[in-house]
Amino acid sequence: QVQLVESGGGLVQPGGSLRLSCTASGFSFNMYIMSWYRQAPGKEREWVAEHSTSGSYTNYVDSVKGRFTISRDNALNTVYLQMNSLKPEDTAVYYCRGRRIDGVREYWGQGTQVTVSS
């Protein structure tokens, strides 16, 4: 059974930090490009960050560059999103996505809520 399970969301004050985790099961994690997306109330889902299957290639939407860091541990089948200097506009449900390197399959997690508020 394929699963992507996110965790680590919560309520944090502006300027604070959170680390999201997404643990995969049921598929060959190291063959999947892993990404984080987010969806704020009333807005479309937005791509946030991406990590290659291995190595160090990463990419970010401009609004989070320098504040967020995506990483992965293929031995643990887990991708992380370290979020620093959080802003109220980062408030959203955060989803992880796995896309196989040939683009044939993709999987999504159920999402974790991040709320940045004083």
C-alpha atoms as a PDB file:
ATOM      1  CA  GLN A   1       0.000   0.000   0.000  1.00  0.00           C
ATOM      2  CA  VAL A   2       1.420   3.339  -1.086  1.00  0.00           C
ATOM      3  CA  GLN A   3       1.518   6.015   1.569  1.00  0.00           C
ATOM      4  CA  LEU A   4       3.034   9.451   2.032  1.00  0.00           C
ATOM      5  CA  VAL A   5       2.551  10.673   5.577  1.00  0.00           C
ATOM      6  CA  GLU A   6       3.391  14.256   6.506  1.00  0.00           C
ATOM      7  CA  SER A   7       4.028  15.462  10.027  1.00  0.00           C
ATOM      8  CA  GLY A   8       5.511  18.421  11.856  1.00  0.00           C
ATOM      9  CA  GLY A   9       2.964  21.112  11.139  1.00  0.00           C
ATOM     10  CA  GLY A  10       1.522  23.374  13.775  1.00  0.00           C
ATOM     11  CA  LEU A  11       1.136  26.905  15.041  1.00  0.00           C
ATOM     12  CA  VAL A  12       4.234  29.106  15.167  1.00  0.00           C
ATOM     13  CA  GLN A  13       4.872  32.800  15.689  1.00  0.00           C
ATOM     14  CA  PRO A  14       6.265  34.963  12.887  1.00  0.00           C
ATOM     15  CA  GLY A  15      10.021  34.526  12.706  1.00  0.00           C
ATOM     16  CA  GLY A  16       9.825  31.019  14.088  1.00  0.00           C
ATOM     17  CA  SER A  17      10.798  27.679  12.595  1.00  0.00           C
ATOM     18  CA  LEU A  18       9.215  24.331  11.836  1.00  0.00           C
ATOM     19  CA  ARG A  19      10.484  21.155  10.253  1.00  0.00           C
ATOM     20  CA  LEU A  20       8.073  19.102   8.201  1.00  0.00           C
ATOM     21  CA  SER A  21       8.645  15.425   7.500  1.00  0.00           C
ATOM     22  CA  CYS A  22       7.113  13.173   4.883  1.00  0.00           C
ATOM     23  CA  THR A  23       7.687   9.441   5.181  1.00  0.00           C
ATOM     24  CA  ALA A  24       6.993   7.180   2.241  1.00  0.00           C
ATOM     25  CA  SER A  25       6.087   3.517   2.021  1.00  0.00           C
ATOM     26  CA  GLY A  26       4.952   1.123  -0.663  1.00  0.00           C
ATOM     27  CA  PHE A  27       7.143   2.358  -3.505  1.00  0.00           C
ATOM     28  CA  SER A  28      10.813   2.761  -4.427  1.00  0.00           C
ATOM     29  CA  PHE A  29      11.476   6.075  -2.759  1.00  0.00           C
ATOM     30  CA  ASN A  30      14.914   6.553  -4.301  1.00  0.00           C
ATOM     31  CA  MET A  31      13.391   6.553  -7.789  1.00  0.00           C
ATOM     32  CA  TYR A  32      11.082   9.459  -7.000  1.00  0.00           C
ATOM     33  CA  ILE A  33      11.687  13.175  -7.204  1.00  0.00           C
ATOM     34  CA  MET A  34      10.231  14.588  -4.000  1.00  0.00           C
ATOM     35  CA  SER A  35       8.544  17.962  -3.725  1.00  0.00           C
ATOM     36  CA  TRP A  36       6.653  20.081  -1.276  1.00  0.00           C
ATOM     37  CA  TYR A  37       3.564  22.055  -2.226  1.00  0.00           C
ATOM     38  CA  ARG A  38       1.272  24.272  -0.207  1.00  0.00           C
ATOM     39  CA  GLN A  39      -2.266  25.548  -0.458  1.00  0.00           C
ATOM     40  CA  ALA A  40      -3.516  28.573   1.406  1.00  0.00           C
ATOM     41  CA  PRO A  41      -7.246  29.177   1.968  1.00  0.00           C
ATOM     42  CA  GLY A  42      -8.907  30.397  -1.201  1.00  0.00           C
ATOM     43  CA  LYS A  43      -5.769  29.923  -3.300  1.00  0.00           C
ATOM     44  CA  GLU A  44      -4.495  27.350  -5.718  1.00  0.00           C
ATOM     45  CA  ARG A  45      -1.937  24.767  -4.684  1.00  0.00           C
ATOM     46  CA  GLU A  46       1.573  26.150  -5.126  1.00  0.00           C
ATOM     47  CA  TRP A  47       4.852  24.338  -5.681  1.00  0.00           C
ATOM     48  CA  VAL A  48       7.365  25.193  -2.942  1.00  0.00           C
ATOM     49  CA  ALA A  49      10.501  23.058  -3.291  1.00  0.00           C
ATOM     50  CA  GLU A  50      11.922  20.032  -5.072  1.00  0.00           C
ATOM     51  CA  HIS A  51      14.726  17.552  -4.419  1.00  0.00           C
ATOM     52  CA  SER A  52      16.282  15.227  -6.954  1.00  0.00           C
ATOM     53  CA  THR A  53      16.280  11.476  -6.396  1.00  0.00           C
ATOM     54  CA  SER A  54      19.791  11.579  -4.971  1.00  0.00           C
ATOM     55  CA  GLY A  55      22.667  13.986  -4.832  1.00  0.00           C
ATOM     56  CA  SER A  56      22.137  17.608  -3.956  1.00  0.00           C
ATOM     57  CA  TYR A  57      19.972  19.195  -6.628  1.00  0.00           C
ATOM     58  CA  THR A  58      17.245  21.331  -5.077  1.00  0.00           C
ATOM     59  CA  ASN A  59      15.021  24.117  -6.300  1.00  0.00           C
ATOM     60  CA  TYR A  60      12.683  26.573  -4.599  1.00  0.00           C
ATOM     61  CA  VAL A  61       9.956  29.050  -5.354  1.00  0.00           C
ATOM     62  CA  ASP A  62      11.374  32.561  -5.028  1.00  0.00           C
ATOM     63  CA  SER A  63       9.244  33.452  -1.998  1.00  0.00           C
ATOM     64  CA  VAL A  64      10.971  30.846   0.204  1.00  0.00           C
ATOM     65  CA  LYS A  65      14.549  30.976  -1.085  1.00  0.00           C
ATOM     66  CA  GLY A  66      16.986  31.534   1.754  1.00  0.00           C
ATOM     67  CA  ARG A  67      14.382  30.570   4.369  1.00  0.00           C
ATOM     68  CA  PHE A  68      13.345  26.990   3.516  1.00  0.00           C
ATOM     69  CA  THR A  69      15.567  23.955   2.947  1.00  0.00           C
ATOM     70  CA  ILE A  70      14.449  20.673   1.435  1.00  0.00           C
ATOM     71  CA  SER A  71      16.418  17.519   2.168  1.00  0.00           C
ATOM     72  CA  ARG A  72      15.900  13.784   1.969  1.00  0.00           C
ATOM     73  CA  ASP A  73      17.169  10.617   3.578  1.00  0.00           C
ATOM     74  CA  ASN A  74      16.730   7.715   1.183  1.00  0.00           C
ATOM     75  CA  ALA A  75      17.654   5.211   3.889  1.00  0.00           C
ATOM     76  CA  LEU A  76      14.649   6.414   5.911  1.00  0.00           C
ATOM     77  CA  ASN A  77      12.353   7.022   2.920  1.00  0.00           C
ATOM     78  CA  THR A  78      11.793  10.519   4.237  1.00  0.00           C
ATOM     79  CA  VAL A  79      11.869  14.022   2.810  1.00  0.00           C
ATOM     80  CA  TYR A  80      12.068  17.084   5.028  1.00  0.00           C
ATOM     81  CA  LEU A  81      11.266  20.760   4.740  1.00  0.00           C
ATOM     82  CA  GLN A  82      13.082  22.981   7.220  1.00  0.00           C
ATOM     83  CA  MET A  83      11.234  26.280   7.408  1.00  0.00           C
ATOM     84  CA  ASN A  84      12.914  29.250   9.082  1.00  0.00           C
ATOM     85  CA  SER A  85      11.961  32.919   9.434  1.00  0.00           C
ATOM     86  CA  LEU A  86       8.333  32.002   8.913  1.00  0.00           C
ATOM     87  CA  LYS A  87       5.885  34.672   7.824  1.00  0.00           C
ATOM     88  CA  PRO A  88       2.090  34.838   8.090  1.00  0.00           C
ATOM     89  CA  GLU A  89       1.912  34.385   4.325  1.00  0.00           C
ATOM     90  CA  ASP A  90       3.484  30.945   4.746  1.00  0.00           C
ATOM     91  CA  THR A  91       0.266  29.791   6.404  1.00  0.00           C
ATOM     92  CA  ALA A  92      -1.114  26.887   4.366  1.00  0.00           C
ATOM     93  CA  VAL A  93      -1.646  23.172   4.224  1.00  0.00           C
ATOM     94  CA  TYR A  94       1.662  21.651   3.124  1.00  0.00           C
ATOM     95  CA  TYR A  95       1.692  18.536   0.960  1.00  0.00           C
ATOM     96  CA  CYS A  96       4.500  16.291  -0.167  1.00  0.00           C
ATOM     97  CA  ARG A  97       4.511  14.769  -3.604  1.00  0.00           C
ATOM     98  CA  GLY A  98       6.551  11.987  -5.116  1.00  0.00           C
ATOM     99  CA  ARG A  99       6.970  11.814  -8.883  1.00  0.00           C
ATOM    100  CA  ARG A 100       8.775   8.898 -10.452  1.00  0.00           C
ATOM    101  CA  ILE A 101      11.776   9.978 -12.513  1.00  0.00           C
ATOM    102  CA  ASP A 102      10.112   8.792 -15.745  1.00  0.00           C
ATOM    103  CA  GLY A 103       6.975  10.760 -14.878  1.00  0.00           C
ATOM    104  CA  VAL A 104       4.730   7.708 -15.048  1.00  0.00           C
ATOM    105  CA  ARG A 105       3.483   7.788 -11.478  1.00  0.00           C
ATOM    106  CA  GLU A 106       2.985  10.305  -8.722  1.00  0.00           C
ATOM    107  CA  TYR A 107       1.737  10.167  -5.179  1.00  0.00           C
ATOM    108  CA  TRP A 108       0.534  12.806  -2.722  1.00  0.00           C
ATOM    109  CA  GLY A 109       0.362  12.958   1.024  1.00  0.00           C
ATOM    110  CA  GLN A 110      -2.695  14.051   2.959  1.00  0.00           C
ATOM    111  CA  GLY A 111      -1.225  17.383   4.045  1.00  0.00           C
ATOM    112  CA  THR A 112      -0.194  19.023   7.288  1.00  0.00           C
ATOM    113  CA  GLN A 113      -1.382  22.434   8.467  1.00  0.00           C
ATOM    114  CA  VAL A 114       1.137  25.202   9.110  1.00  0.00           C
ATOM    115  CA  THR A 115      -0.176  28.368  10.733  1.00  0.00           C
ATOM    116  CA  VAL A 116       2.056  31.384  11.288  1.00  0.00           C
ATOM    117  CA  SER A 117       0.415  33.844  13.629  1.00  0.00           C
ATOM    118  CA  SER A 118       1.101  35.895  16.715  1.00  0.00           C
END
